[in-house]
Amino acid sequence: MDLPDNRLWTVEETGYFLGISVKTLYQWRWLGEGPPVTTIGRRLRYDPSTVKAWAENGSEAA
């Protein structure tokens, strides 16, 4: 799957990039963990550069 860097990622795209399930991302959101997330309406969206920085920094807040 080619992930675009010019728009926010969906939960599915972020899960694919991190190699985790969508359920895990929702759990992290509920627990206040995981990469920073933006809510647009009722949908979660992730900034690709922030997710990459979060992953590279040992899963700490970017």
PDB file of N, CA and C in Angstrom:
ATOM      1  N   MET A   1       0.843  -1.177   0.000  1.00  0.00           N
ATOM      2  CA  MET A   1       0.000   0.000   0.000  1.00  0.00           C
ATOM      3  C   MET A   1       0.891   1.244   0.000  1.00  0.00           C
ATOM      4  N   ASP A   2       0.687   2.125  -0.954  1.00  0.00           N
ATOM      5  CA  ASP A   2       1.395   3.399  -0.982  1.00  0.00           C
ATOM      6  C   ASP A   2       0.627   4.391  -0.128  1.00  0.00           C
ATOM      7  N   LEU A   3       1.309   4.927   0.867  1.00  0.00           N
ATOM      8  CA  LEU A   3       0.665   5.886   1.758  1.00  0.00           C
ATOM      9  C   LEU A   3       1.035   7.307   1.352  1.00  0.00           C
ATOM     10  N   PRO A   4       0.042   8.166   1.122  1.00  0.00           N
ATOM     11  CA  PRO A   4       0.313   9.545   0.713  1.00  0.00           C
ATOM     12  C   PRO A   4       0.830  10.376   1.884  1.00  0.00           C
ATOM     13  N   ASP A   5       1.764  11.259   1.609  1.00  0.00           N
ATOM     14  CA  ASP A   5       2.273  12.162   2.638  1.00  0.00           C
ATOM     15  C   ASP A   5       1.640  13.548   2.542  1.00  0.00           C
ATOM     16  N   ASN A   6       0.789  13.757   1.545  1.00  0.00           N
ATOM     17  CA  ASN A   6       0.228  15.089   1.311  1.00  0.00           C
ATOM     18  C   ASN A   6      -1.165  15.275   1.915  1.00  0.00           C
ATOM     19  N   ARG A   7      -1.605  14.336   2.749  1.00  0.00           N
ATOM     20  CA  ARG A   7      -2.892  14.469   3.439  1.00  0.00           C
ATOM     21  C   ARG A   7      -2.839  13.666   4.723  1.00  0.00           C
ATOM     22  N   LEU A   8      -3.806  13.886   5.588  1.00  0.00           N
ATOM     23  CA  LEU A   8      -3.858  13.139   6.836  1.00  0.00           C
ATOM     24  C   LEU A   8      -4.215  11.681   6.567  1.00  0.00           C
ATOM     25  N   TRP A   9      -3.662  10.793   7.389  1.00  0.00           N
ATOM     26  CA  TRP A   9      -3.928   9.368   7.234  1.00  0.00           C
ATOM     27  C   TRP A   9      -5.169   8.961   8.015  1.00  0.00           C
ATOM     28  N   THR A  10      -5.856   7.966   7.505  1.00  0.00           N
ATOM     29  CA  THR A  10      -6.979   7.363   8.208  1.00  0.00           C
ATOM     30  C   THR A  10      -6.429   6.422   9.287  1.00  0.00           C
ATOM     31  N   VAL A  11      -7.304   5.914  10.116  1.00  0.00           N
ATOM     32  CA  VAL A  11      -6.909   4.946  11.133  1.00  0.00           C
ATOM     33  C   VAL A  11      -6.336   3.696  10.465  1.00  0.00           C
ATOM     34  N   GLU A  12      -6.962   3.264   9.386  1.00  0.00           N
ATOM     35  CA  GLU A  12      -6.486   2.073   8.674  1.00  0.00           C
ATOM     36  C   GLU A  12      -5.085   2.284   8.105  1.00  0.00           C
ATOM     37  N   GLU A  13      -4.840   3.437   7.507  1.00  0.00           N
ATOM     38  CA  GLU A  13      -3.522   3.722   6.934  1.00  0.00           C
ATOM     39  C   GLU A  13      -2.456   3.815   8.028  1.00  0.00           C
ATOM     40  N   THR A  14      -2.802   4.436   9.140  1.00  0.00           N
ATOM     41  CA  THR A  14      -1.856   4.562  10.246  1.00  0.00           C
ATOM     42  C   THR A  14      -1.542   3.192  10.832  1.00  0.00           C
ATOM     43  N   GLY A  15      -2.560   2.360  11.002  1.00  0.00           N
ATOM     44  CA  GLY A  15      -2.342   1.009  11.493  1.00  0.00           C
ATOM     45  C   GLY A  15      -1.449   0.206  10.568  1.00  0.00           C
ATOM     46  N   TYR A  16      -1.675   0.359   9.275  1.00  0.00           N
ATOM     47  CA  TYR A  16      -0.847  -0.339   8.287  1.00  0.00           C
ATOM     48  C   TYR A  16       0.615   0.099   8.417  1.00  0.00           C
ATOM     49  N   PHE A  17       0.837   1.409   8.501  1.00  0.00           N
ATOM     50  CA  PHE A  17       2.198   1.933   8.606  1.00  0.00           C
ATOM     51  C   PHE A  17       2.892   1.420   9.867  1.00  0.00           C
ATOM     52  N   LEU A  18       2.179   1.419  10.989  1.00  0.00           N
ATOM     53  CA  LEU A  18       2.776   1.007  12.258  1.00  0.00           C
ATOM     54  C   LEU A  18       2.773  -0.505  12.449  1.00  0.00           C
ATOM     55  N   GLY A  19       2.026  -1.220  11.609  1.00  0.00           N
ATOM     56  CA  GLY A  19       1.954  -2.672  11.731  1.00  0.00           C
ATOM     57  C   GLY A  19       1.116  -3.122  12.914  1.00  0.00           C
ATOM     58  N   ILE A  20       0.080  -2.348  13.231  1.00  0.00           N
ATOM     59  CA  ILE A  20      -0.804  -2.682  14.343  1.00  0.00           C
ATOM     60  C   ILE A  20      -2.254  -2.634  13.871  1.00  0.00           C
ATOM     61  N   SER A  21      -3.144  -3.135  14.688  1.00  0.00           N
ATOM     62  CA  SER A  21      -4.558  -3.161  14.303  1.00  0.00           C
ATOM     63  C   SER A  21      -5.233  -1.815  14.574  1.00  0.00           C
ATOM     64  N   VAL A  22      -6.332  -1.614  13.896  1.00  0.00           N
ATOM     65  CA  VAL A  22      -7.153  -0.423  14.108  1.00  0.00           C
ATOM     66  C   VAL A  22      -7.653  -0.406  15.550  1.00  0.00           C
ATOM     67  N   LYS A  23      -7.993  -1.573  16.063  1.00  0.00           N
ATOM     68  CA  LYS A  23      -8.467  -1.681  17.443  1.00  0.00           C
ATOM     69  C   LYS A  23      -7.425  -1.148  18.424  1.00  0.00           C
ATOM     70  N   THR A  24      -6.155  -1.447  18.177  1.00  0.00           N
ATOM     71  CA  THR A  24      -5.089  -0.959  19.041  1.00  0.00           C
ATOM     72  C   THR A  24      -5.017   0.556  19.004  1.00  0.00           C
ATOM     73  N   LEU A  25      -5.157   1.158  17.828  1.00  0.00           N
ATOM     74  CA  LEU A  25      -5.139   2.616  17.729  1.00  0.00           C
ATOM     75  C   LEU A  25      -6.288   3.241  18.506  1.00  0.00           C
ATOM     76  N   TYR A  26      -7.466   2.644  18.421  1.00  0.00           N
ATOM     77  CA  TYR A  26      -8.607   3.157  19.182  1.00  0.00           C
ATOM     78  C   TYR A  26      -8.377   2.996  20.689  1.00  0.00           C
ATOM     79  N   GLN A  27      -7.763   1.884  21.100  1.00  0.00           N
ATOM     80  CA  GLN A  27      -7.451   1.691  22.517  1.00  0.00           C
ATOM     81  C   GLN A  27      -6.455   2.731  22.993  1.00  0.00           C
ATOM     82  N   TRP A  28      -5.414   2.968  22.201  1.00  0.00           N
ATOM     83  CA  TRP A  28      -4.425   3.972  22.557  1.00  0.00           C
ATOM     84  C   TRP A  28      -5.070   5.342  22.700  1.00  0.00           C
ATOM     85  N   ARG A  29      -5.965   5.658  21.785  1.00  0.00           N
ATOM     86  CA  ARG A  29      -6.667   6.945  21.837  1.00  0.00           C
ATOM     87  C   ARG A  29      -7.442   7.057  23.149  1.00  0.00           C
ATOM     88  N   TRP A  30      -8.148   6.006  23.507  1.00  0.00           N
ATOM     89  CA  TRP A  30      -8.943   5.993  24.728  1.00  0.00           C
ATOM     90  C   TRP A  30      -8.065   6.117  25.976  1.00  0.00           C
ATOM     91  N   LEU A  31      -6.881   5.501  25.939  1.00  0.00           N
ATOM     92  CA  LEU A  31      -5.952   5.527  27.065  1.00  0.00           C
ATOM     93  C   LEU A  31      -5.070   6.772  27.074  1.00  0.00           C
ATOM     94  N   GLY A  32      -5.142   7.583  26.014  1.00  0.00           N
ATOM     95  CA  GLY A  32      -4.290   8.772  25.924  1.00  0.00           C
ATOM     96  C   GLY A  32      -2.865   8.437  25.526  1.00  0.00           C
ATOM     97  N   GLU A  33      -2.687   7.330  24.832  1.00  0.00           N
ATOM     98  CA  GLU A  33      -1.370   6.884  24.385  1.00  0.00           C
ATOM     99  C   GLU A  33      -1.311   6.920  22.865  1.00  0.00           C
ATOM    100  N   GLY A  34      -0.194   6.473  22.320  1.00  0.00           N
ATOM    101  CA  GLY A  34      -0.062   6.382  20.873  1.00  0.00           C
ATOM    102  C   GLY A  34       0.298   7.714  20.233  1.00  0.00           C
ATOM    103  N   PRO A  35       0.383   7.719  18.909  1.00  0.00           N
ATOM    104  CA  PRO A  35       0.754   8.946  18.205  1.00  0.00           C
ATOM    105  C   PRO A  35      -0.352   9.997  18.331  1.00  0.00           C
ATOM    106  N   PRO A  36       0.031  11.276  18.275  1.00  0.00           N
ATOM    107  CA  PRO A  36      -0.968  12.344  18.330  1.00  0.00           C
ATOM    108  C   PRO A  36      -2.000  12.182  17.219  1.00  0.00           C
ATOM    109  N   VAL A  37      -3.245  12.449  17.550  1.00  0.00           N
ATOM    110  CA  VAL A  37      -4.350  12.242  16.611  1.00  0.00           C
ATOM    111  C   VAL A  37      -5.226  13.486  16.578  1.00  0.00           C
ATOM    112  N   THR A  38      -5.816  13.732  15.422  1.00  0.00           N
ATOM    113  CA  THR A  38      -6.753  14.839  15.233  1.00  0.00           C
ATOM    114  C   THR A  38      -8.120  14.250  14.957  1.00  0.00           C
ATOM    115  N   THR A  39      -9.138  14.859  15.528  1.00  0.00           N
ATOM    116  CA  THR A  39     -10.507  14.435  15.256  1.00  0.00           C
ATOM    117  C   THR A  39     -11.135  15.428  14.292  1.00  0.00           C
ATOM    118  N   ILE A  40     -11.632  14.914  13.191  1.00  0.00           N
ATOM    119  CA  ILE A  40     -12.347  15.726  12.205  1.00  0.00           C
ATOM    120  C   ILE A  40     -13.751  15.150  12.134  1.00  0.00           C
ATOM    121  N   GLY A  41     -14.689  15.894  12.684  1.00  0.00           N
ATOM    122  CA  GLY A  41     -16.034  15.343  12.814  1.00  0.00           C
ATOM    123  C   GLY A  41     -15.977  14.190  13.795  1.00  0.00           C
ATOM    124  N   ARG A  42     -16.378  13.031  13.344  1.00  0.00           N
ATOM    125  CA  ARG A  42     -16.321  11.831  14.182  1.00  0.00           C
ATOM    126  C   ARG A  42     -15.187  10.902  13.767  1.00  0.00           C
ATOM    127  N   ARG A  43     -14.317  11.365  12.906  1.00  0.00           N
ATOM    128  CA  ARG A  43     -13.249  10.524  12.359  1.00  0.00           C
ATOM    129  C   ARG A  43     -11.889  10.920  12.928  1.00  0.00           C
ATOM    130  N   LEU A  44     -11.056   9.916  13.167  1.00  0.00           N
ATOM    131  CA  LEU A  44      -9.694  10.153  13.615  1.00  0.00           C
ATOM    132  C   LEU A  44      -8.783  10.269  12.407  1.00  0.00           C
ATOM    133  N   ARG A  45      -7.884  11.234  12.457  1.00  0.00           N
ATOM    134  CA  ARG A  45      -6.910  11.422  11.382  1.00  0.00           C
ATOM    135  C   ARG A  45      -5.534  11.660  11.986  1.00  0.00           C
ATOM    136  N   TYR A  46      -4.522  11.156  11.299  1.00  0.00           N
ATOM    137  CA  TYR A  46      -3.149  11.238  11.768  1.00  0.00           C
ATOM    138  C   TYR A  46      -2.289  11.969  10.743  1.00  0.00           C
ATOM    139  N   ASP A  47      -1.429  12.864  11.234  1.00  0.00           N
ATOM    140  CA  ASP A  47      -0.469  13.560  10.376  1.00  0.00           C
ATOM    141  C   ASP A  47       0.697  12.605  10.120  1.00  0.00           C
ATOM    142  N   PRO A  48       0.970  12.279   8.854  1.00  0.00           N
ATOM    143  CA  PRO A  48       2.034  11.309   8.551  1.00  0.00           C
ATOM    144  C   PRO A  48       3.388  11.671   9.158  1.00  0.00           C
ATOM    145  N   SER A  49       3.777  12.938   9.089  1.00  0.00           N
ATOM    146  CA  SER A  49       5.084  13.323   9.630  1.00  0.00           C
ATOM    147  C   SER A  49       5.135  13.159  11.145  1.00  0.00           C
ATOM    148  N   THR A  50       4.033  13.418  11.819  1.00  0.00           N
ATOM    149  CA  THR A  50       3.977  13.243  13.274  1.00  0.00           C
ATOM    150  C   THR A  50       4.020  11.772  13.653  1.00  0.00           C
ATOM    151  N   VAL A  51       3.314  10.941  12.894  1.00  0.00           N
ATOM    152  CA  VAL A  51       3.319   9.502  13.166  1.00  0.00           C
ATOM    153  C   VAL A  51       4.728   8.941  12.951  1.00  0.00           C
ATOM    154  N   LYS A  52       5.383   9.360  11.887  1.00  0.00           N
ATOM    155  CA  LYS A  52       6.746   8.881  11.611  1.00  0.00           C
ATOM    156  C   LYS A  52       7.703   9.319  12.711  1.00  0.00           C
ATOM    157  N   ALA A  53       7.601  10.585  13.145  1.00  0.00           N
ATOM    158  CA  ALA A  53       8.458  11.082  14.228  1.00  0.00           C
ATOM    159  C   ALA A  53       8.181  10.328  15.525  1.00  0.00           C
ATOM    160  N   TRP A  54       6.914  10.067  15.813  1.00  0.00           N
ATOM    161  CA  TRP A  54       6.532   9.323  17.012  1.00  0.00           C
ATOM    162  C   TRP A  54       7.134   7.919  16.968  1.00  0.00           C
ATOM    163  N   ALA A  55       7.057   7.274  15.824  1.00  0.00           N
ATOM    164  CA  ALA A  55       7.597   5.916  15.679  1.00  0.00           C
ATOM    165  C   ALA A  55       9.118   5.904  15.803  1.00  0.00           C
ATOM    166  N   GLU A  56       9.774   6.912  15.260  1.00  0.00           N
ATOM    167  CA  GLU A  56      11.242   6.975  15.294  1.00  0.00           C
ATOM    168  C   GLU A  56      11.773   7.313  16.674  1.00  0.00           C
ATOM    169  N   ASN A  57      10.987   8.039  17.464  1.00  0.00           N
ATOM    170  CA  ASN A  57      11.437   8.463  18.793  1.00  0.00           C
ATOM    171  C   ASN A  57      11.084   7.471  19.879  1.00  0.00           C
ATOM    172  N   GLY A  58      10.929   6.225  19.528  1.00  0.00           N
ATOM    173  CA  GLY A  58      10.646   5.199  20.523  1.00  0.00           C
ATOM    174  C   GLY A  58       9.250   5.310  21.096  1.00  0.00           C
ATOM    175  N   SER A  59       8.307   5.745  20.277  1.00  0.00           N
ATOM    176  CA  SER A  59       6.904   5.830  20.662  1.00  0.00           C
ATOM    177  C   SER A  59       6.646   6.868  21.736  1.00  0.00           C
ATOM    178  N   GLU A  60       7.444   7.926  21.762  1.00  0.00           N
ATOM    179  CA  GLU A  60       7.186   9.037  22.657  1.00  0.00           C
ATOM    180  C   GLU A  60       6.433  10.113  21.887  1.00  0.00           C
ATOM    181  N   ALA A  61       5.790  11.000  22.575  1.00  0.00           N
ATOM    182  CA  ALA A  61       5.065  12.092  21.920  1.00  0.00           C
ATOM    183  C   ALA A  61       6.016  12.906  21.091  1.00  0.00           C
ATOM    184  N   ALA A  62       5.603  13.234  19.873  1.00  0.00           N
ATOM    185  CA  ALA A  62       6.460  13.993  18.963  1.00  0.00           C
ATOM    186  C   ALA A  62       6.374  15.478  19.256  1.00  0.00           C
TER     187      ALA A  62
END
